[in-house]
């Protein structure tokens, strides 16, 4: 059971950020997988490594100063995912970062 509109907002935000911050000629990978009784969504983009500060309202990295946006998208996404009792976070990879969240599968 989930709020489809709010989860759509999270997906839109994650995908928008991946597109906005992908390195020049970089890659974006989207994956949805089933892990036992959980659905996991992840989106990776080649680009800068990130810290957990991105979940804080109005957080703007120095590399983001001249980019469009309010700095609220990931904070709102974190609130929505917390309300869904979802595990979520960031995994820094060799050449980029991956945002993910997991939701239980119900029948």
N, C-alpha and C. Protein backbone atom coordinates (compact mmCIF):
# COMPACT_ATOMS: atom_id res chain seq x y z
N UNK A 1 0.86 -1.17 0.00
CA UNK A 1 0.00 0.00 0.00
C UNK A 1 0.90 1.23 0.00
N UNK A 2 0.68 2.08 -0.99
CA UNK A 2 1.51 3.27 -1.12
C UNK A 2 0.72 4.39 -1.79
N UNK A 3 1.15 5.60 -1.56
CA UNK A 3 0.57 6.76 -2.21
C UNK A 3 1.25 6.90 -3.57
N UNK A 4 0.56 6.51 -4.62
CA UNK A 4 1.14 6.49 -5.96
C UNK A 4 1.61 7.87 -6.41
N UNK A 5 0.85 8.89 -6.11
CA UNK A 5 1.24 10.24 -6.53
C UNK A 5 2.53 10.69 -5.85
N UNK A 6 2.66 10.40 -4.57
CA UNK A 6 3.88 10.81 -3.85
C UNK A 6 5.09 10.00 -4.32
N UNK A 7 4.90 8.71 -4.57
CA UNK A 7 6.03 7.91 -5.07
C UNK A 7 6.41 8.34 -6.49
N UNK A 8 5.43 8.75 -7.26
CA UNK A 8 5.72 9.30 -8.59
C UNK A 8 6.57 10.57 -8.45
N UNK A 9 6.27 11.37 -7.44
CA UNK A 9 7.04 12.58 -7.17
C UNK A 9 8.49 12.23 -6.83
N UNK A 10 8.69 11.20 -6.02
CA UNK A 10 10.05 10.75 -5.66
C UNK A 10 10.79 10.29 -6.92
N UNK A 11 10.14 9.46 -7.73
CA UNK A 11 10.78 8.96 -8.95
C UNK A 11 11.14 10.11 -9.89
N UNK A 12 10.22 11.04 -10.03
CA UNK A 12 10.47 12.21 -10.88
C UNK A 12 11.67 12.99 -10.37
N UNK A 13 11.75 13.17 -9.06
CA UNK A 13 12.86 13.92 -8.48
C UNK A 13 14.19 13.19 -8.68
N UNK A 14 14.21 11.88 -8.38
CA UNK A 14 15.45 11.11 -8.54
C UNK A 14 15.92 11.15 -10.00
N UNK A 15 14.99 10.95 -10.93
CA UNK A 15 15.36 10.94 -12.35
C UNK A 15 15.79 12.33 -12.83
N UNK A 16 15.11 13.36 -12.36
CA UNK A 16 15.49 14.72 -12.72
C UNK A 16 16.87 15.08 -12.23
N UNK A 17 17.18 14.69 -11.00
CA UNK A 17 18.52 14.96 -10.46
C UNK A 17 19.59 14.18 -11.21
N UNK A 18 19.29 12.93 -11.55
CA UNK A 18 20.27 12.13 -12.30
C UNK A 18 20.56 12.80 -13.64
N UNK A 19 19.53 13.28 -14.30
CA UNK A 19 19.71 13.93 -15.59
C UNK A 19 20.46 15.26 -15.44
N UNK A 20 20.11 16.02 -14.41
CA UNK A 20 20.71 17.34 -14.20
C UNK A 20 22.19 17.25 -13.85
N UNK A 21 22.58 16.21 -13.10
CA UNK A 21 23.95 16.16 -12.57
C UNK A 21 24.84 15.09 -13.21
N UNK A 22 24.36 14.44 -14.27
CA UNK A 22 25.20 13.45 -14.95
C UNK A 22 26.38 14.18 -15.59
N UNK A 23 27.56 13.57 -15.53
CA UNK A 23 28.73 14.18 -16.14
C UNK A 23 28.58 14.21 -17.66
N UNK A 24 29.30 15.11 -18.30
CA UNK A 24 29.22 15.23 -19.75
C UNK A 24 29.56 13.88 -20.39
N UNK A 25 28.70 13.43 -21.30
CA UNK A 25 28.83 12.13 -21.96
C UNK A 25 28.74 10.96 -20.98
N UNK A 26 28.18 11.21 -19.81
CA UNK A 26 28.05 10.16 -18.80
C UNK A 26 26.82 9.30 -19.02
N UNK A 27 26.67 8.30 -18.19
CA UNK A 27 25.56 7.35 -18.29
C UNK A 27 24.60 7.49 -17.12
N UNK A 28 23.35 7.13 -17.39
CA UNK A 28 22.32 7.02 -16.36
C UNK A 28 21.74 5.61 -16.48
N UNK A 29 21.65 4.92 -15.34
CA UNK A 29 21.08 3.57 -15.32
C UNK A 29 19.93 3.55 -14.32
N UNK A 30 18.79 3.04 -14.75
CA UNK A 30 17.62 2.88 -13.89
C UNK A 30 17.36 1.39 -13.74
N UNK A 31 17.12 0.96 -12.51
CA UNK A 31 16.88 -0.46 -12.28
C UNK A 31 15.76 -0.64 -11.26
N UNK A 32 14.88 -1.56 -11.54
CA UNK A 32 13.84 -1.97 -10.61
C UNK A 32 14.02 -3.47 -10.42
N UNK A 33 14.12 -3.90 -9.18
CA UNK A 33 14.33 -5.32 -8.92
C UNK A 33 13.52 -5.77 -7.72
N UNK A 34 13.32 -7.07 -7.64
CA UNK A 34 12.61 -7.69 -6.52
C UNK A 34 13.64 -8.42 -5.67
N UNK A 35 13.71 -8.07 -4.41
CA UNK A 35 14.62 -8.70 -3.46
C UNK A 35 13.78 -9.32 -2.35
N UNK A 36 13.55 -10.62 -2.44
CA UNK A 36 12.67 -11.34 -1.51
C UNK A 36 11.30 -10.67 -1.51
N UNK A 37 10.91 -10.01 -0.43
CA UNK A 37 9.59 -9.39 -0.37
C UNK A 37 9.66 -7.86 -0.52
N UNK A 38 10.74 -7.37 -1.15
CA UNK A 38 10.92 -5.94 -1.35
C UNK A 38 11.10 -5.60 -2.83
N UNK A 39 10.57 -4.47 -3.22
CA UNK A 39 10.84 -3.92 -4.53
C UNK A 39 11.88 -2.83 -4.33
N UNK A 40 12.95 -2.89 -5.12
CA UNK A 40 13.99 -1.87 -5.02
C UNK A 40 14.06 -1.08 -6.31
N UNK A 41 14.02 0.23 -6.18
CA UNK A 41 14.22 1.13 -7.31
C UNK A 41 15.56 1.80 -7.11
N UNK A 42 16.39 1.85 -8.15
CA UNK A 42 17.65 2.58 -8.05
C UNK A 42 17.92 3.32 -9.35
N UNK A 43 18.57 4.46 -9.22
CA UNK A 43 18.99 5.22 -10.38
C UNK A 43 20.42 5.71 -10.13
N UNK A 44 21.27 5.37 -11.08
CA UNK A 44 22.69 5.70 -11.01
C UNK A 44 23.01 6.70 -12.10
N UNK A 45 23.90 7.64 -11.80
CA UNK A 45 24.43 8.49 -12.85
C UNK A 45 25.92 8.70 -12.63
N UNK A 46 26.66 8.74 -13.76
CA UNK A 46 28.06 9.13 -13.71
C UNK A 46 28.08 10.58 -13.27
N UNK A 47 28.88 10.88 -12.26
CA UNK A 47 28.94 12.25 -11.77
C UNK A 47 29.60 12.30 -10.41
N UNK A 48 29.38 13.39 -9.70
CA UNK A 48 30.07 13.59 -8.41
C UNK A 48 29.55 12.64 -7.33
N UNK A 49 30.45 12.32 -6.39
CA UNK A 49 30.03 11.57 -5.20
C UNK A 49 29.23 12.50 -4.30
N UNK A 50 28.34 11.92 -3.51
CA UNK A 50 27.43 12.71 -2.67
C UNK A 50 27.54 12.29 -1.22
N UNK A 51 27.08 13.16 -0.34
CA UNK A 51 27.01 12.84 1.09
C UNK A 51 25.54 12.83 1.51
N UNK A 52 25.28 12.37 2.72
CA UNK A 52 23.91 12.34 3.22
C UNK A 52 23.33 13.73 3.43
N UNK A 53 24.15 14.78 3.30
CA UNK A 53 23.65 16.15 3.42
C UNK A 53 22.63 16.49 2.34
N UNK A 54 22.62 15.75 1.22
CA UNK A 54 21.68 16.06 0.14
C UNK A 54 20.23 15.92 0.59
N UNK A 55 19.96 15.21 1.67
CA UNK A 55 18.60 15.01 2.15
C UNK A 55 18.12 16.20 2.99
N UNK A 56 19.01 17.16 3.29
CA UNK A 56 18.68 18.32 4.14
C UNK A 56 18.08 19.43 3.28
N UNK A 57 17.02 20.07 3.78
CA UNK A 57 16.38 21.16 3.06
C UNK A 57 17.38 22.23 2.68
N UNK A 58 17.24 22.73 1.47
CA UNK A 58 18.04 23.83 0.92
C UNK A 58 19.53 23.52 0.79
N UNK A 59 19.91 22.25 0.93
CA UNK A 59 21.32 21.90 0.75
C UNK A 59 21.69 22.12 -0.70
N UNK A 60 22.75 22.85 -0.92
CA UNK A 60 23.25 23.08 -2.28
C UNK A 60 24.76 22.89 -2.24
N UNK A 61 25.25 21.95 -3.01
CA UNK A 61 26.67 21.73 -3.16
C UNK A 61 27.26 22.87 -3.99
N UNK A 62 28.54 23.15 -3.82
CA UNK A 62 29.17 24.23 -4.60
C UNK A 62 28.99 24.03 -6.09
N UNK A 63 28.98 22.78 -6.55
CA UNK A 63 28.82 22.51 -7.98
C UNK A 63 27.40 22.79 -8.46
N UNK A 64 26.47 23.01 -7.54
CA UNK A 64 25.06 23.22 -7.90
C UNK A 64 24.66 24.69 -7.90
N UNK A 65 25.54 25.58 -7.51
CA UNK A 65 25.18 26.97 -7.31
C UNK A 65 24.51 27.58 -8.55
N UNK A 66 25.00 27.29 -9.72
CA UNK A 66 24.46 27.90 -10.94
C UNK A 66 23.42 27.04 -11.62
N UNK A 67 22.87 26.06 -10.93
CA UNK A 67 21.87 25.18 -11.53
C UNK A 67 20.49 25.57 -11.04
N UNK A 68 19.47 25.21 -11.81
CA UNK A 68 18.09 25.49 -11.41
C UNK A 68 17.68 24.54 -10.29
N UNK A 69 16.79 25.00 -9.45
CA UNK A 69 16.26 24.17 -8.38
C UNK A 69 16.30 24.90 -7.07
N UNK A 70 15.49 24.40 -6.15
CA UNK A 70 15.35 25.06 -4.85
C UNK A 70 16.16 24.39 -3.75
N UNK A 71 16.63 23.18 -3.99
CA UNK A 71 17.30 22.45 -2.92
C UNK A 71 16.31 21.74 -2.01
N UNK A 72 15.06 21.64 -2.44
CA UNK A 72 14.03 20.99 -1.62
C UNK A 72 13.67 19.58 -2.10
N UNK A 73 13.95 19.25 -3.34
CA UNK A 73 13.47 18.00 -3.93
C UNK A 73 13.85 16.76 -3.16
N UNK A 74 15.11 16.63 -2.80
CA UNK A 74 15.53 15.41 -2.09
C UNK A 74 15.04 15.42 -0.64
N UNK A 75 14.91 16.59 -0.03
CA UNK A 75 14.36 16.65 1.34
C UNK A 75 12.90 16.20 1.33
N UNK A 76 12.15 16.64 0.33
CA UNK A 76 10.75 16.22 0.21
C UNK A 76 10.68 14.73 -0.08
N UNK A 77 11.55 14.24 -0.98
CA UNK A 77 11.59 12.81 -1.28
C UNK A 77 11.88 12.00 -0.02
N UNK A 78 12.81 12.47 0.80
CA UNK A 78 13.14 11.77 2.04
C UNK A 78 11.93 11.71 2.97
N UNK A 79 11.17 12.80 3.06
CA UNK A 79 9.96 12.81 3.89
C UNK A 79 8.94 11.81 3.38
N UNK A 80 8.73 11.80 2.07
CA UNK A 80 7.76 10.89 1.48
C UNK A 80 8.18 9.45 1.74
N UNK A 81 9.45 9.14 1.53
CA UNK A 81 9.94 7.77 1.74
C UNK A 81 9.89 7.38 3.20
N UNK A 82 10.16 8.31 4.10
CA UNK A 82 10.05 8.03 5.54
C UNK A 82 8.60 7.73 5.92
N UNK A 83 7.66 8.47 5.35
CA UNK A 83 6.24 8.23 5.62
C UNK A 83 5.81 6.84 5.14
N UNK A 84 6.48 6.33 4.11
CA UNK A 84 6.20 4.99 3.60
C UNK A 84 7.02 3.92 4.32
N UNK A 85 7.80 4.35 5.33
CA UNK A 85 8.68 3.44 6.08
C UNK A 85 9.64 2.70 5.15
N UNK A 86 10.12 3.45 4.17
CA UNK A 86 11.02 2.91 3.15
C UNK A 86 12.47 3.06 3.57
N UNK A 87 13.27 2.07 3.25
CA UNK A 87 14.72 2.22 3.35
C UNK A 87 15.15 2.96 2.10
N UNK A 88 15.98 3.97 2.24
CA UNK A 88 16.45 4.74 1.10
C UNK A 88 17.83 5.29 1.39
N UNK A 89 18.52 5.71 0.36
CA UNK A 89 19.83 6.29 0.58
C UNK A 89 20.60 6.51 -0.71
N UNK A 90 21.91 6.68 -0.52
CA UNK A 90 22.84 6.92 -1.61
C UNK A 90 23.99 5.94 -1.47
N UNK A 91 24.37 5.34 -2.58
CA UNK A 91 25.60 4.54 -2.65
C UNK A 91 26.55 5.26 -3.61
N UNK A 92 27.70 5.68 -3.14
CA UNK A 92 28.69 6.23 -4.05
C UNK A 92 29.41 5.07 -4.72
N UNK A 93 29.52 5.16 -6.02
CA UNK A 93 30.19 4.14 -6.84
C UNK A 93 31.49 4.74 -7.37
N UNK A 94 32.25 3.95 -8.10
CA UNK A 94 33.55 4.41 -8.60
C UNK A 94 33.45 5.72 -9.38
N UNK A 95 32.49 5.82 -10.30
CA UNK A 95 32.40 7.00 -11.17
C UNK A 95 31.13 7.81 -10.98
N UNK A 96 30.40 7.57 -9.92
CA UNK A 96 29.16 8.31 -9.75
C UNK A 96 28.44 7.95 -8.47
N UNK A 97 27.14 8.18 -8.47
CA UNK A 97 26.33 7.93 -7.28
C UNK A 97 25.01 7.28 -7.68
N UNK A 98 24.47 6.49 -6.76
CA UNK A 98 23.21 5.78 -6.99
C UNK A 98 22.24 6.09 -5.86
N UNK A 99 21.08 6.63 -6.21
CA UNK A 99 20.00 6.81 -5.25
C UNK A 99 19.14 5.55 -5.29
N UNK A 100 18.62 5.15 -4.15
CA UNK A 100 17.77 3.96 -4.12
C UNK A 100 16.70 4.09 -3.04
N UNK A 101 15.64 3.32 -3.20
CA UNK A 101 14.68 3.12 -2.12
C UNK A 101 14.04 1.75 -2.29
N UNK A 102 13.52 1.22 -1.18
CA UNK A 102 12.89 -0.08 -1.18
C UNK A 102 11.52 0.01 -0.52
N UNK A 103 10.58 -0.75 -1.06
CA UNK A 103 9.23 -0.82 -0.50
C UNK A 103 8.82 -2.27 -0.40
N UNK A 104 8.06 -2.62 0.65
CA UNK A 104 7.58 -4.01 0.77
C UNK A 104 6.55 -4.31 -0.31
N UNK A 105 6.56 -5.53 -0.76
CA UNK A 105 5.57 -6.00 -1.73
C UNK A 105 4.43 -6.63 -0.96
N UNK A 106 3.21 -6.19 -1.25
CA UNK A 106 2.03 -6.78 -0.60
C UNK A 106 1.17 -7.44 -1.65
N UNK A 107 0.42 -8.43 -1.23
CA UNK A 107 -0.46 -9.14 -2.17
C UNK A 107 -1.89 -8.76 -1.93
